[in-house]
Amino acid sequence: MQIFHPLQRALSRFRRGEAGGLSIESILTLPTLAWALLACFSYFDGLRQYNINIKAAHTMGDLLSRETQVVDDDYIDGMHDVLKFLTRSAAEPRMRISVVAYDGDDDSFELIWSEARGGQAALTEAGLKSIEGRLPMAFGGSQLIVVETSIDHKAPFVFGLSDRTLDNFLVTRLRFVPQLNHEDHMEGNTGTS
């Protein structure tokens, strides 16, 4: 068939031709490079947000460890405001501050007080049992400050790191005083502020 002969020659020339190979390779590799770039940006953004969150938790733990006065609800609200300022996230950060004491006779920790903000629940005795394995060794009667923060991180792109909750768990020892009291949780508190 003479009609298809020119078409066969054109297809044969096209198959043997090497002009435009770079263009075809570029078209094939460009989506992969774009995906890799966006995935790297997404991973970097997640790591950046995690580092900001852990630094904010360390700042809060350090502030509490140096406190020599009794703290109150306004103080804890202020700590939550500090967390919001330091993380600068669109999502509301959640925070739980707990003070636990080590009982050397029972070789266990006891919950002294716990306060939470941002939708987080305060630590309970049952919850303390679940985190006891994460607490460091302590000597009898010593108190530890447990700062837990979490924030929902929304990935900037669908590629790479997905949306996730970034959690931090930090334990700090008291620096200047043997105990950190909260006015609502002190023994003999009448409940008046």
Protein backbone atom coordinates (compact mmCIF):
# COMPACT_ATOMS: atom_id res chain seq x y z
CA MET A 1 0.00 0.00 0.00
CA GLN A 2 1.54 3.16 -1.29
CA ILE A 3 -0.60 5.40 0.89
CA PHE A 4 1.07 4.26 4.14
CA HIS A 5 4.60 4.28 2.74
CA PRO A 6 5.30 7.98 3.53
CA LEU A 7 3.90 7.44 7.01
CA GLN A 8 6.17 4.44 7.57
CA ARG A 9 9.21 6.45 6.43
CA ALA A 10 8.29 9.32 8.77
CA LEU A 11 7.89 6.95 11.71
CA SER A 12 11.19 5.27 10.86
CA ARG A 13 12.99 8.67 10.77
CA PHE A 14 11.36 9.67 14.05
CA ARG A 15 12.50 6.42 15.72
CA ARG A 16 16.12 6.89 14.59
CA GLY A 17 16.27 10.63 15.24
CA GLU A 18 18.05 11.87 18.37
CA ALA A 19 17.23 15.57 18.13
CA GLY A 20 14.90 16.50 21.02
CA GLY A 21 16.08 13.70 23.35
CA LEU A 22 16.95 16.27 25.99
CA SER A 23 13.46 17.73 25.81
CA ILE A 24 11.86 14.35 26.32
CA GLU A 25 14.19 13.54 29.23
CA SER A 26 13.37 16.89 30.79
CA ILE A 27 9.65 16.25 30.49
CA LEU A 28 10.09 12.85 32.13
CA THR A 29 12.35 14.00 35.00
CA LEU A 30 10.83 17.40 35.80
CA PRO A 31 7.83 15.99 37.73
CA THR A 32 10.17 13.80 39.79
CA LEU A 33 12.43 16.74 40.60
CA ALA A 34 9.44 18.92 41.50
CA TRP A 35 8.07 16.18 43.77
CA ALA A 36 11.46 15.77 45.47
CA LEU A 37 11.79 19.51 46.02
CA LEU A 38 8.30 19.81 47.52
CA ALA A 39 8.84 16.71 49.68
CA CYS A 40 12.15 18.14 51.01
CA PHE A 41 10.42 21.43 51.80
CA SER A 42 7.62 19.59 53.60
CA TYR A 43 10.10 17.52 55.66
CA PHE A 44 12.13 20.63 56.49
CA ASP A 45 9.00 22.51 57.59
CA GLY A 46 7.95 19.63 59.85
CA LEU A 47 11.42 19.42 61.39
CA ARG A 48 11.49 23.20 61.87
CA GLN A 49 8.12 23.16 63.64
CA TYR A 50 9.17 20.22 65.83
CA ASN A 51 12.35 22.05 66.86
CA ILE A 52 10.37 25.20 67.67
CA ASN A 53 7.99 23.14 69.82
CA ILE A 54 10.75 21.38 71.75
CA LYS A 55 12.55 24.68 72.38
CA ALA A 56 9.29 26.20 73.64
CA ALA A 57 8.79 23.22 76.00
CA HIS A 58 12.36 23.61 77.29
CA THR A 59 11.75 27.33 77.87
CA MET A 60 8.60 26.59 79.87
CA GLY A 61 10.32 23.88 81.90
CA ASP A 62 13.23 26.21 82.63
CA LEU A 63 10.92 29.05 83.72
CA LEU A 64 9.04 26.72 86.06
CA SER A 65 12.21 25.19 87.49
CA ARG A 66 13.42 28.65 88.56
CA GLU A 67 10.10 29.70 90.12
CA THR A 68 10.38 30.33 93.87
CA GLN A 69 6.79 31.46 94.48
CA VAL A 70 3.50 29.59 94.49
CA VAL A 71 2.01 29.53 90.98
CA ASP A 72 -1.66 30.09 90.20
CA ASP A 73 -4.06 29.77 87.28
CA ASP A 74 -3.00 33.14 85.87
CA TYR A 75 0.60 31.93 85.83
CA ILE A 76 -0.39 28.75 83.96
CA ASP A 77 -2.49 30.82 81.52
CA GLY A 78 0.56 33.01 80.97
CA MET A 79 2.67 29.91 80.28
CA HIS A 80 0.13 28.86 77.64
CA ASP A 81 0.34 32.34 76.10
CA VAL A 82 4.15 31.98 76.03
CA LEU A 83 3.75 28.62 74.28
CA LYS A 84 1.43 30.17 71.67
CA PHE A 85 3.85 33.05 71.12
CA LEU A 86 6.91 30.83 70.78
CA THR A 87 5.34 28.25 68.46
CA ARG A 88 3.59 30.80 66.21
CA SER A 89 1.38 28.11 64.77
CA ALA A 90 -2.06 28.51 63.27
CA ALA A 91 -3.22 25.57 65.37
CA GLU A 92 -3.93 25.94 69.08
CA PRO A 93 -1.11 24.34 71.09
CA ARG A 94 -2.03 21.98 73.92
CA MET A 95 -0.07 21.99 77.15
CA ARG A 96 0.01 20.02 80.39
CA ILE A 97 2.21 20.94 83.34
CA SER A 98 2.47 18.41 86.15
CA VAL A 99 4.56 18.20 89.27
CA VAL A 100 5.35 14.73 90.56
CA ALA A 101 7.34 13.62 93.60
CA TYR A 102 9.35 10.46 94.02
CA ASP A 103 8.52 8.31 97.04
CA GLY A 104 11.66 6.34 97.89
CA ASP A 105 9.84 4.02 100.31
CA ASP A 106 7.38 2.81 97.67
CA ASP A 107 9.80 3.28 94.75
CA SER A 108 7.07 5.14 92.85
CA PHE A 109 5.99 8.62 91.86
CA GLU A 110 3.02 10.49 93.27
CA LEU A 111 1.14 13.28 91.53
CA ILE A 112 1.38 16.59 93.39
CA TRP A 113 -0.60 18.72 90.94
CA SER A 114 -1.37 19.01 87.26
CA GLU A 115 -2.84 21.79 85.11
CA ALA A 116 -3.63 21.73 81.40
CA ARG A 117 -4.59 24.28 78.76
CA GLY A 118 -5.62 24.26 75.11
CA GLY A 119 -7.96 21.27 75.34
CA GLN A 120 -5.46 18.93 76.99
CA ALA A 121 -6.67 17.01 80.07
CA ALA A 122 -4.84 17.32 83.38
CA LEU A 123 -2.75 14.33 84.45
CA THR A 124 -4.44 11.87 86.79
CA GLU A 125 -3.00 9.17 89.05
CA ALA A 126 -3.90 6.57 86.40
CA GLY A 127 -2.21 8.69 83.74
CA LEU A 128 0.87 8.98 85.96
CA LYS A 129 1.21 5.20 85.97
CA SER A 130 1.30 5.23 82.17
CA ILE A 131 4.17 7.76 82.00
CA GLU A 132 6.11 6.52 85.04
CA GLY A 133 8.51 4.58 82.82
CA ARG A 134 9.49 7.81 81.03
CA LEU A 135 10.43 9.62 84.24
CA PRO A 136 14.11 9.70 85.25
CA MET A 137 15.49 8.26 88.45
CA ALA A 138 15.05 10.56 91.42
CA PHE A 139 15.85 10.56 95.13
CA GLY A 140 13.22 10.33 97.87
CA GLY A 141 10.96 13.33 98.18
CA SER A 142 12.34 15.19 95.17
CA GLN A 143 9.91 16.83 92.80
CA LEU A 144 10.04 16.83 89.02
CA ILE A 145 8.25 19.15 86.62
CA VAL A 146 6.72 17.35 83.63
CA VAL A 147 5.93 19.61 80.68
CA GLU A 148 3.95 18.03 77.85
CA THR A 149 3.11 19.99 74.73
CA SER A 150 1.45 19.00 71.50
CA ILE A 151 0.45 20.83 68.37
CA ASP A 152 -1.22 19.78 65.15
CA HIS A 153 1.13 20.40 62.25
CA LYS A 154 -0.42 20.84 58.82
CA ALA A 155 2.01 19.95 56.05
CA PRO A 156 2.43 22.73 53.49
CA PHE A 157 2.24 20.22 50.60
CA VAL A 158 0.69 16.82 50.08
CA PHE A 159 4.11 15.43 49.19
CA GLY A 160 6.53 14.23 51.86
CA LEU A 161 5.54 14.60 55.49
CA SER A 162 1.81 14.29 56.10
CA ASP A 163 -0.29 16.16 58.66
CA ARG A 164 0.56 14.99 62.15
CA THR A 165 0.53 15.87 65.82
CA LEU A 166 3.91 16.89 67.20
CA ASP A 167 4.22 15.83 70.86
CA ASN A 168 6.92 16.76 73.37
CA PHE A 169 7.56 15.28 76.79
CA LEU A 170 10.07 17.09 78.98
CA VAL A 171 11.10 16.49 82.59
CA THR A 172 12.92 19.20 84.56
CA ARG A 173 14.26 19.21 88.11
CA LEU A 174 13.63 22.15 90.42
CA ARG A 175 16.61 24.49 90.75
CA PHE A 176 16.21 26.79 93.75
CA VAL A 177 13.41 25.43 95.92
CA PRO A 178 12.53 21.90 97.05
CA GLN A 179 8.95 22.10 95.78
CA LEU A 180 6.77 23.96 93.29
CA ASN A 181 3.28 24.57 94.60
CA HIS A 182 0.09 25.58 92.84
CA GLU A 183 -2.30 27.60 94.98
CA ASP A 184 -5.32 25.46 94.04
CA HIS A 185 -3.56 22.20 94.91
CA MET A 186 -1.88 23.02 98.21
CA GLU A 187 -2.85 20.98 101.24
CA GLY A 188 -5.23 22.87 103.47
CA ASN A 189 -6.29 25.17 100.63
CA THR A 190 -9.70 26.68 101.28
CA GLY A 191 -10.36 27.18 97.59
CA THR A 192 -10.29 30.97 97.77
CA SER A 193 -7.97 32.96 95.58
